[in-house]
């Protein structure tokens, strides 16, 4: 049994050493799991979203006090790179309800008038880790 405790200690030290070495010059610390969640308004995968949608609503966990949302075209052009703000009140409808996210908070990001017939990808960055929360296409 003592060897199991020793093994756990060695693994923890190796993991923490790996994390310490992975800090870039900006001082970011990677978390064991990146941010996770979903685009819930418009629902991820939506088509024919109005170009003037104005606000995107996200639901998820971010692991930092200052997560950022990035909205890009499918070809990689950045349209928005901004902090995630509080959700609108009331929440817009229809609001998607992805499985596994019950109880996680909502946030939002404002978007300008978007280009027609374009697919957008929504990603969230928190503690230097980035995850895709979803995508949608405009009319």
N, C-alpha and C. Protein backbone atom coordinates (compact mmCIF):
# COMPACT_ATOMS: atom_id res chain seq x y z
N UNK A 1 0.80 -1.20 0.00
CA UNK A 1 0.00 0.00 0.00
C UNK A 1 0.85 1.27 0.00
N UNK A 2 2.03 1.24 0.65
CA UNK A 2 2.87 2.42 0.69
C UNK A 2 3.35 2.81 -0.71
N UNK A 3 3.57 1.83 -1.56
CA UNK A 3 4.03 2.13 -2.91
C UNK A 3 2.97 2.91 -3.70
N UNK A 4 1.66 2.68 -3.39
CA UNK A 4 0.60 3.42 -4.08
C UNK A 4 0.65 4.89 -3.69
N UNK A 5 0.87 5.16 -2.40
CA UNK A 5 1.00 6.55 -1.95
C UNK A 5 2.19 7.23 -2.58
N UNK A 6 3.30 6.50 -2.69
CA UNK A 6 4.49 7.03 -3.33
C UNK A 6 4.23 7.33 -4.80
N UNK A 7 3.53 6.42 -5.47
CA UNK A 7 3.21 6.61 -6.88
C UNK A 7 2.34 7.86 -7.07
N UNK A 8 1.34 8.03 -6.23
CA UNK A 8 0.48 9.21 -6.32
C UNK A 8 1.30 10.47 -6.11
N UNK A 9 2.18 10.48 -5.13
CA UNK A 9 3.03 11.64 -4.86
C UNK A 9 3.91 11.96 -6.06
N UNK A 10 4.52 10.94 -6.66
CA UNK A 10 5.37 11.15 -7.83
C UNK A 10 4.56 11.73 -8.99
N UNK A 11 3.37 11.19 -9.22
CA UNK A 11 2.53 11.69 -10.31
C UNK A 11 2.12 13.14 -10.07
N UNK A 12 1.75 13.47 -8.85
CA UNK A 12 1.38 14.85 -8.54
C UNK A 12 2.54 15.80 -8.74
N UNK A 13 3.74 15.40 -8.31
CA UNK A 13 4.91 16.24 -8.52
C UNK A 13 5.22 16.40 -10.00
N UNK A 14 5.11 15.32 -10.75
CA UNK A 14 5.36 15.39 -12.20
C UNK A 14 4.35 16.30 -12.87
N UNK A 15 3.07 16.19 -12.47
CA UNK A 15 2.03 17.03 -13.06
C UNK A 15 2.28 18.50 -12.71
N UNK A 16 2.57 18.80 -11.45
CA UNK A 16 2.77 20.19 -11.06
C UNK A 16 4.02 20.76 -11.71
N UNK A 17 5.07 19.96 -11.87
CA UNK A 17 6.28 20.41 -12.55
C UNK A 17 5.98 20.71 -14.00
N UNK A 18 5.19 19.85 -14.66
CA UNK A 18 4.81 20.08 -16.05
C UNK A 18 4.00 21.35 -16.21
N UNK A 19 3.12 21.63 -15.26
CA UNK A 19 2.32 22.85 -15.32
C UNK A 19 3.20 24.07 -15.14
N UNK A 20 4.15 24.00 -14.21
CA UNK A 20 5.03 25.14 -13.96
C UNK A 20 5.86 25.45 -15.21
N UNK A 21 6.27 24.41 -15.92
CA UNK A 21 7.07 24.64 -17.11
C UNK A 21 6.23 25.13 -18.28
N UNK A 22 4.91 24.96 -18.22
CA UNK A 22 4.09 25.33 -19.36
C UNK A 22 3.60 26.78 -19.30
N UNK A 23 4.02 27.54 -18.26
CA UNK A 23 3.59 28.93 -18.17
C UNK A 23 4.29 29.75 -19.24
N UNK A 24 3.52 30.34 -20.17
CA UNK A 24 4.14 31.20 -21.18
C UNK A 24 4.53 32.53 -20.54
N UNK A 25 5.20 33.36 -21.29
CA UNK A 25 5.68 34.64 -20.76
C UNK A 25 4.54 35.51 -20.27
N UNK A 26 3.31 35.30 -20.76
CA UNK A 26 2.17 36.08 -20.32
C UNK A 26 1.66 35.67 -18.96
N UNK A 27 2.19 34.60 -18.38
CA UNK A 27 1.81 34.19 -17.04
C UNK A 27 0.55 33.36 -16.97
N UNK A 28 0.10 32.81 -18.07
CA UNK A 28 -1.11 32.00 -18.06
C UNK A 28 -0.84 30.65 -17.45
N UNK A 29 -1.82 30.14 -16.74
CA UNK A 29 -1.70 28.82 -16.16
C UNK A 29 -2.77 27.93 -16.76
N UNK A 30 -2.36 26.84 -17.39
CA UNK A 30 -3.32 25.92 -17.99
C UNK A 30 -4.01 25.12 -16.90
N UNK A 31 -5.29 24.91 -17.06
CA UNK A 31 -6.05 24.10 -16.12
C UNK A 31 -6.09 22.67 -16.62
N UNK A 32 -6.36 21.70 -15.75
CA UNK A 32 -6.45 20.32 -16.21
C UNK A 32 -7.53 20.14 -17.27
N UNK A 33 -8.57 20.93 -17.20
CA UNK A 33 -9.63 20.89 -18.22
C UNK A 33 -9.90 22.32 -18.64
N UNK A 34 -10.04 22.55 -19.93
CA UNK A 34 -10.33 23.89 -20.41
C UNK A 34 -11.76 24.27 -20.10
N UNK A 35 -12.15 25.47 -20.51
CA UNK A 35 -13.53 25.88 -20.29
C UNK A 35 -14.45 24.94 -21.05
N UNK A 36 -15.61 24.69 -20.50
CA UNK A 36 -16.57 23.86 -21.23
C UNK A 36 -17.94 24.47 -21.12
N UNK A 37 -18.72 24.24 -22.16
CA UNK A 37 -20.06 24.81 -22.20
C UNK A 37 -20.58 24.80 -23.60
N UNK A 38 -21.55 25.67 -23.84
CA UNK A 38 -22.20 25.69 -25.16
C UNK A 38 -22.77 27.06 -25.47
N UNK A 39 -22.86 27.31 -26.74
CA UNK A 39 -23.61 28.45 -27.25
C UNK A 39 -25.08 28.08 -27.13
N UNK A 40 -25.85 28.86 -26.37
CA UNK A 40 -27.25 28.50 -26.16
C UNK A 40 -28.23 29.47 -26.83
N UNK A 41 -27.75 30.65 -27.24
CA UNK A 41 -28.58 31.54 -28.04
C UNK A 41 -27.69 32.35 -28.95
N UNK A 42 -27.86 32.22 -30.26
CA UNK A 42 -28.69 31.20 -30.87
C UNK A 42 -28.11 29.82 -30.58
N UNK A 43 -28.93 28.81 -30.64
CA UNK A 43 -28.47 27.45 -30.35
C UNK A 43 -27.37 27.07 -31.33
N UNK A 44 -26.36 26.37 -30.83
CA UNK A 44 -25.29 25.92 -31.70
C UNK A 44 -25.87 25.09 -32.84
N UNK A 45 -25.40 25.36 -34.05
CA UNK A 45 -25.91 24.66 -35.22
C UNK A 45 -27.05 25.38 -35.91
N UNK A 46 -27.51 26.49 -35.32
CA UNK A 46 -28.63 27.23 -35.91
C UNK A 46 -28.25 27.77 -37.29
N UNK A 47 -29.23 27.81 -38.14
CA UNK A 47 -29.07 28.42 -39.46
C UNK A 47 -30.10 29.54 -39.57
N UNK A 48 -29.91 30.42 -40.52
CA UNK A 48 -30.82 31.54 -40.75
C UNK A 48 -30.94 32.48 -39.55
N UNK A 49 -29.82 32.63 -38.81
CA UNK A 49 -29.79 33.57 -37.69
C UNK A 49 -29.76 34.99 -38.29
N UNK A 50 -30.57 35.91 -37.77
CA UNK A 50 -30.55 37.28 -38.30
C UNK A 50 -29.17 37.91 -38.14
N UNK A 51 -28.76 38.69 -39.12
CA UNK A 51 -27.44 39.34 -39.05
C UNK A 51 -27.37 40.35 -37.91
N UNK A 52 -28.50 40.82 -37.43
CA UNK A 52 -28.55 41.75 -36.32
C UNK A 52 -28.87 41.09 -35.00
N UNK A 53 -28.46 39.85 -34.79
CA UNK A 53 -28.78 39.11 -33.56
C UNK A 53 -28.35 39.89 -32.32
N UNK A 54 -27.24 40.62 -32.38
CA UNK A 54 -26.83 41.53 -31.31
C UNK A 54 -26.12 40.93 -30.13
N UNK A 55 -26.65 39.86 -29.56
CA UNK A 55 -26.06 39.26 -28.36
C UNK A 55 -26.05 37.74 -28.50
N UNK A 56 -24.92 37.14 -28.13
CA UNK A 56 -24.83 35.69 -28.05
C UNK A 56 -24.84 35.31 -26.58
N UNK A 57 -25.56 34.23 -26.24
CA UNK A 57 -25.62 33.77 -24.85
C UNK A 57 -24.90 32.44 -24.76
N UNK A 58 -24.01 32.34 -23.76
CA UNK A 58 -23.22 31.14 -23.51
C UNK A 58 -23.59 30.57 -22.15
N UNK A 59 -23.46 29.26 -22.02
CA UNK A 59 -23.65 28.61 -20.73
C UNK A 59 -22.45 27.73 -20.50
N UNK A 60 -21.83 27.83 -19.31
CA UNK A 60 -20.68 26.98 -19.08
C UNK A 60 -19.90 27.29 -17.85
N UNK A 61 -18.71 26.67 -17.78
CA UNK A 61 -17.77 26.85 -16.69
C UNK A 61 -16.47 27.35 -17.31
N UNK A 62 -15.87 28.36 -16.68
CA UNK A 62 -14.75 29.04 -17.30
C UNK A 62 -13.43 28.92 -16.56
N UNK A 63 -13.40 28.61 -15.26
CA UNK A 63 -12.18 28.41 -14.49
C UNK A 63 -11.32 29.66 -14.35
N UNK A 64 -11.86 30.82 -14.55
CA UNK A 64 -11.14 32.05 -14.27
C UNK A 64 -12.16 33.16 -14.07
N UNK A 65 -11.68 34.27 -13.55
CA UNK A 65 -12.60 35.37 -13.31
C UNK A 65 -12.76 36.27 -14.52
N UNK A 66 -12.01 36.01 -15.58
CA UNK A 66 -12.10 36.88 -16.76
C UNK A 66 -12.05 36.09 -18.07
N UNK A 67 -13.03 35.23 -18.30
CA UNK A 67 -13.04 34.48 -19.56
C UNK A 67 -13.33 35.41 -20.74
N UNK A 68 -12.86 35.03 -21.90
CA UNK A 68 -13.07 35.82 -23.13
C UNK A 68 -13.76 34.96 -24.18
N UNK A 69 -14.61 35.60 -24.95
CA UNK A 69 -15.26 34.94 -26.07
C UNK A 69 -14.65 35.46 -27.36
N UNK A 70 -14.48 34.55 -28.30
CA UNK A 70 -14.01 34.95 -29.62
C UNK A 70 -15.00 34.40 -30.64
N UNK A 71 -15.44 35.28 -31.51
CA UNK A 71 -16.34 34.90 -32.60
C UNK A 71 -15.57 35.11 -33.89
N UNK A 72 -15.43 34.02 -34.65
CA UNK A 72 -14.68 34.09 -35.90
C UNK A 72 -15.54 33.55 -37.04
N UNK A 73 -15.20 33.98 -38.24
CA UNK A 73 -15.84 33.36 -39.40
C UNK A 73 -15.21 31.98 -39.55
N UNK A 74 -15.83 31.15 -40.34
CA UNK A 74 -15.31 29.80 -40.55
C UNK A 74 -13.91 29.85 -41.16
N UNK A 75 -13.60 30.93 -41.86
CA UNK A 75 -12.27 31.05 -42.46
C UNK A 75 -11.26 31.67 -41.50
N UNK A 76 -11.66 31.96 -40.26
CA UNK A 76 -10.72 32.41 -39.23
C UNK A 76 -10.64 33.90 -39.00
N UNK A 77 -11.47 34.69 -39.65
CA UNK A 77 -11.45 36.14 -39.43
C UNK A 77 -12.13 36.44 -38.10
N UNK A 78 -11.43 37.14 -37.21
CA UNK A 78 -11.97 37.46 -35.89
C UNK A 78 -12.96 38.62 -36.02
N UNK A 79 -14.18 38.40 -35.56
CA UNK A 79 -15.23 39.41 -35.59
C UNK A 79 -15.36 40.05 -34.21
N UNK A 80 -15.25 39.23 -33.16
CA UNK A 80 -15.34 39.70 -31.77
C UNK A 80 -14.29 38.97 -30.94
N UNK A 81 -13.61 39.70 -30.08
CA UNK A 81 -12.73 39.14 -29.06
C UNK A 81 -12.96 40.01 -27.84
N UNK A 82 -13.78 39.53 -26.91
CA UNK A 82 -14.22 40.38 -25.82
C UNK A 82 -14.48 39.56 -24.55
N UNK A 83 -14.42 40.23 -23.39
CA UNK A 83 -14.76 39.53 -22.15
C UNK A 83 -16.22 39.07 -22.18
N UNK A 84 -16.48 37.95 -21.52
CA UNK A 84 -17.85 37.48 -21.39
C UNK A 84 -18.51 38.31 -20.29
N UNK A 85 -19.65 38.88 -20.62
CA UNK A 85 -20.37 39.72 -19.68
C UNK A 85 -21.54 38.99 -19.06
N UNK A 86 -22.31 39.69 -18.24
CA UNK A 86 -23.48 39.06 -17.63
C UNK A 86 -24.53 38.73 -18.69
N UNK A 87 -25.40 37.78 -18.39
CA UNK A 87 -26.43 37.42 -19.36
C UNK A 87 -27.49 38.52 -19.44
N UNK A 88 -28.18 38.60 -20.58
CA UNK A 88 -29.27 39.56 -20.68
C UNK A 88 -30.42 39.14 -19.77
N UNK A 89 -31.21 40.12 -19.38
CA UNK A 89 -32.39 39.81 -18.57
C UNK A 89 -33.58 40.52 -19.18
N UNK A 90 -34.59 39.76 -19.57
CA UNK A 90 -34.71 38.31 -19.47
C UNK A 90 -33.84 37.61 -20.52
N UNK A 91 -33.60 36.31 -20.30
CA UNK A 91 -32.87 35.53 -21.29
C UNK A 91 -33.69 35.44 -22.57
N UNK A 92 -33.04 35.48 -23.73
CA UNK A 92 -33.79 35.39 -24.99
C UNK A 92 -34.40 34.00 -25.17
N UNK A 93 -35.31 33.93 -26.11
CA UNK A 93 -35.99 32.67 -26.38
C UNK A 93 -35.98 32.45 -27.88
N UNK A 94 -35.87 31.23 -28.35
CA UNK A 94 -35.72 29.99 -27.59
C UNK A 94 -34.27 29.82 -27.13
N UNK A 95 -34.09 29.33 -25.93
CA UNK A 95 -32.78 29.09 -25.34
C UNK A 95 -32.51 27.59 -25.36
N UNK A 96 -31.39 27.19 -25.95
CA UNK A 96 -31.05 25.76 -26.01
C UNK A 96 -30.77 25.26 -24.60
N UNK A 97 -31.00 23.99 -24.37
CA UNK A 97 -30.71 23.37 -23.07
C UNK A 97 -29.84 22.13 -23.28
N UNK A 98 -28.54 22.35 -23.52
CA UNK A 98 -27.65 21.22 -23.76
C UNK A 98 -27.55 20.30 -22.56
N UNK A 99 -27.48 19.01 -22.81
CA UNK A 99 -27.36 18.02 -21.74
C UNK A 99 -26.05 18.23 -20.98
N UNK A 100 -26.09 18.04 -19.68
CA UNK A 100 -24.90 18.11 -18.87
C UNK A 100 -24.50 19.48 -18.39
N UNK A 101 -25.24 20.52 -18.77
CA UNK A 101 -24.86 21.87 -18.36
C UNK A 101 -25.82 22.47 -17.34
N UNK A 102 -26.80 21.70 -16.90
CA UNK A 102 -27.77 22.21 -15.93
C UNK A 102 -27.06 22.77 -14.71
N UNK A 103 -27.47 23.93 -14.28
CA UNK A 103 -26.89 24.54 -13.10
C UNK A 103 -25.68 25.41 -13.37
N UNK A 104 -25.10 25.35 -14.57
CA UNK A 104 -23.97 26.22 -14.90
C UNK A 104 -24.49 27.59 -15.32
N UNK A 105 -23.71 28.59 -15.06
CA UNK A 105 -24.13 29.97 -15.30
C UNK A 105 -24.16 30.36 -16.76
N UNK A 106 -24.84 31.48 -16.99
CA UNK A 106 -24.94 32.06 -18.33
C UNK A 106 -24.06 33.30 -18.41
N UNK A 107 -23.62 33.60 -19.60
CA UNK A 107 -22.89 34.82 -19.89
C UNK A 107 -23.24 35.27 -21.28
N UNK A 108 -22.79 36.44 -21.66
CA UNK A 108 -23.12 36.93 -23.01
C UNK A 108 -21.96 37.71 -23.59
N UNK A 109 -22.03 37.88 -24.88
CA UNK A 109 -21.08 38.71 -25.60
C UNK A 109 -21.85 39.44 -26.70
N UNK A 110 -21.61 40.74 -26.81
CA UNK A 110 -22.26 41.55 -27.85
C UNK A 110 -21.54 41.33 -29.17
N UNK A 111 -22.32 41.28 -30.25
CA UNK A 111 -21.73 41.14 -31.58
C UNK A 111 -22.26 42.26 -32.48
N UNK A 112 -21.43 42.72 -33.41
CA UNK A 112 -21.89 43.75 -34.35
C UNK A 112 -22.82 43.13 -35.38
N UNK A 113 -23.30 43.93 -36.30
CA UNK A 113 -24.06 43.39 -37.43
C UNK A 113 -23.13 42.42 -38.16
N UNK A 114 -23.62 41.23 -38.41
CA UNK A 114 -22.81 40.18 -39.01
C UNK A 114 -23.04 40.12 -40.53
N UNK A 115 -22.17 39.44 -41.22
CA UNK A 115 -22.32 39.26 -42.67
C UNK A 115 -23.36 38.18 -42.95
N UNK A 116 -24.12 38.39 -44.00
CA UNK A 116 -25.14 37.41 -44.40
C UNK A 116 -24.48 36.15 -44.97
N UNK A 117 -25.18 35.04 -44.85
CA UNK A 117 -24.76 33.76 -45.43
C UNK A 117 -23.34 33.38 -45.00
N UNK A 118 -23.07 33.54 -43.71
CA UNK A 118 -21.74 33.28 -43.18
C UNK A 118 -21.86 32.38 -41.95
N UNK A 119 -20.91 31.45 -41.81
CA UNK A 119 -20.87 30.60 -40.63
C UNK A 119 -19.87 31.19 -39.64
N UNK A 120 -20.28 31.26 -38.38
CA UNK A 120 -19.46 31.80 -37.30
C UNK A 120 -19.18 30.72 -36.27
N UNK A 121 -17.97 30.74 -35.71
CA UNK A 121 -17.56 29.80 -34.67
C UNK A 121 -17.35 30.60 -33.39
N UNK A 122 -17.89 30.10 -32.27
CA UNK A 122 -17.78 30.78 -30.98
C UNK A 122 -16.89 29.95 -30.07
N UNK A 123 -15.79 30.57 -29.61
CA UNK A 123 -14.84 29.90 -28.72
C UNK A 123 -14.71 30.71 -27.44
N UNK A 124 -14.33 30.02 -26.37
CA UNK A 124 -14.11 30.68 -25.08
C UNK A 124 -12.71 30.34 -24.61
N UNK A 125 -11.99 31.38 -24.14
CA UNK A 125 -10.66 31.20 -23.59
C UNK A 125 -10.69 31.57 -22.12
N UNK A 126 -10.13 30.68 -21.30
CA UNK A 126 -10.04 30.90 -19.87
C UNK A 126 -8.74 30.28 -19.39
N UNK A 127 -7.91 31.05 -18.69
CA UNK A 127 -6.61 30.57 -18.23
C UNK A 127 -5.80 29.97 -19.37
N UNK A 128 -5.78 30.60 -20.50
CA UNK A 128 -5.00 30.21 -21.68
C UNK A 128 -5.52 28.97 -22.40
N UNK A 129 -6.58 28.34 -21.92
CA UNK A 129 -7.16 27.18 -22.59
C UNK A 129 -8.37 27.65 -23.38
N UNK A 130 -8.51 27.16 -24.59
CA UNK A 130 -9.61 27.56 -25.46
C UNK A 130 -10.45 26.36 -25.84
N UNK A 131 -11.77 26.53 -25.81
CA UNK A 131 -12.70 25.49 -26.23
C UNK A 131 -13.75 26.10 -27.14
N UNK A 132 -14.16 25.35 -28.13
CA UNK A 132 -15.23 25.78 -29.02
C UNK A 132 -16.56 25.50 -28.35
N UNK A 133 -17.41 26.52 -28.24
CA UNK A 133 -18.72 26.38 -27.61
C UNK A 133 -19.82 26.14 -28.64
N UNK A 134 -19.56 26.41 -29.92
CA UNK A 134 -20.57 26.14 -30.94
C UNK A 134 -20.37 27.01 -32.17
N UNK A 135 -21.33 26.90 -33.07
CA UNK A 135 -21.29 27.67 -34.31
C UNK A 135 -22.72 27.93 -34.78
N UNK A 136 -22.86 28.88 -35.68
CA UNK A 136 -24.17 29.21 -36.26
C UNK A 136 -23.94 29.86 -37.61
N UNK A 137 -24.98 29.92 -38.41
CA UNK A 137 -24.91 30.57 -39.73
C UNK A 137 -25.99 31.61 -39.84
N UNK A 138 -25.66 32.70 -40.52
CA UNK A 138 -26.62 33.80 -40.72
C UNK A 138 -27.42 33.61 -42.00
N UNK A 139 -28.54 34.34 -42.06
CA UNK A 139 -29.40 34.32 -43.26
C UNK A 139 -28.68 34.91 -44.42
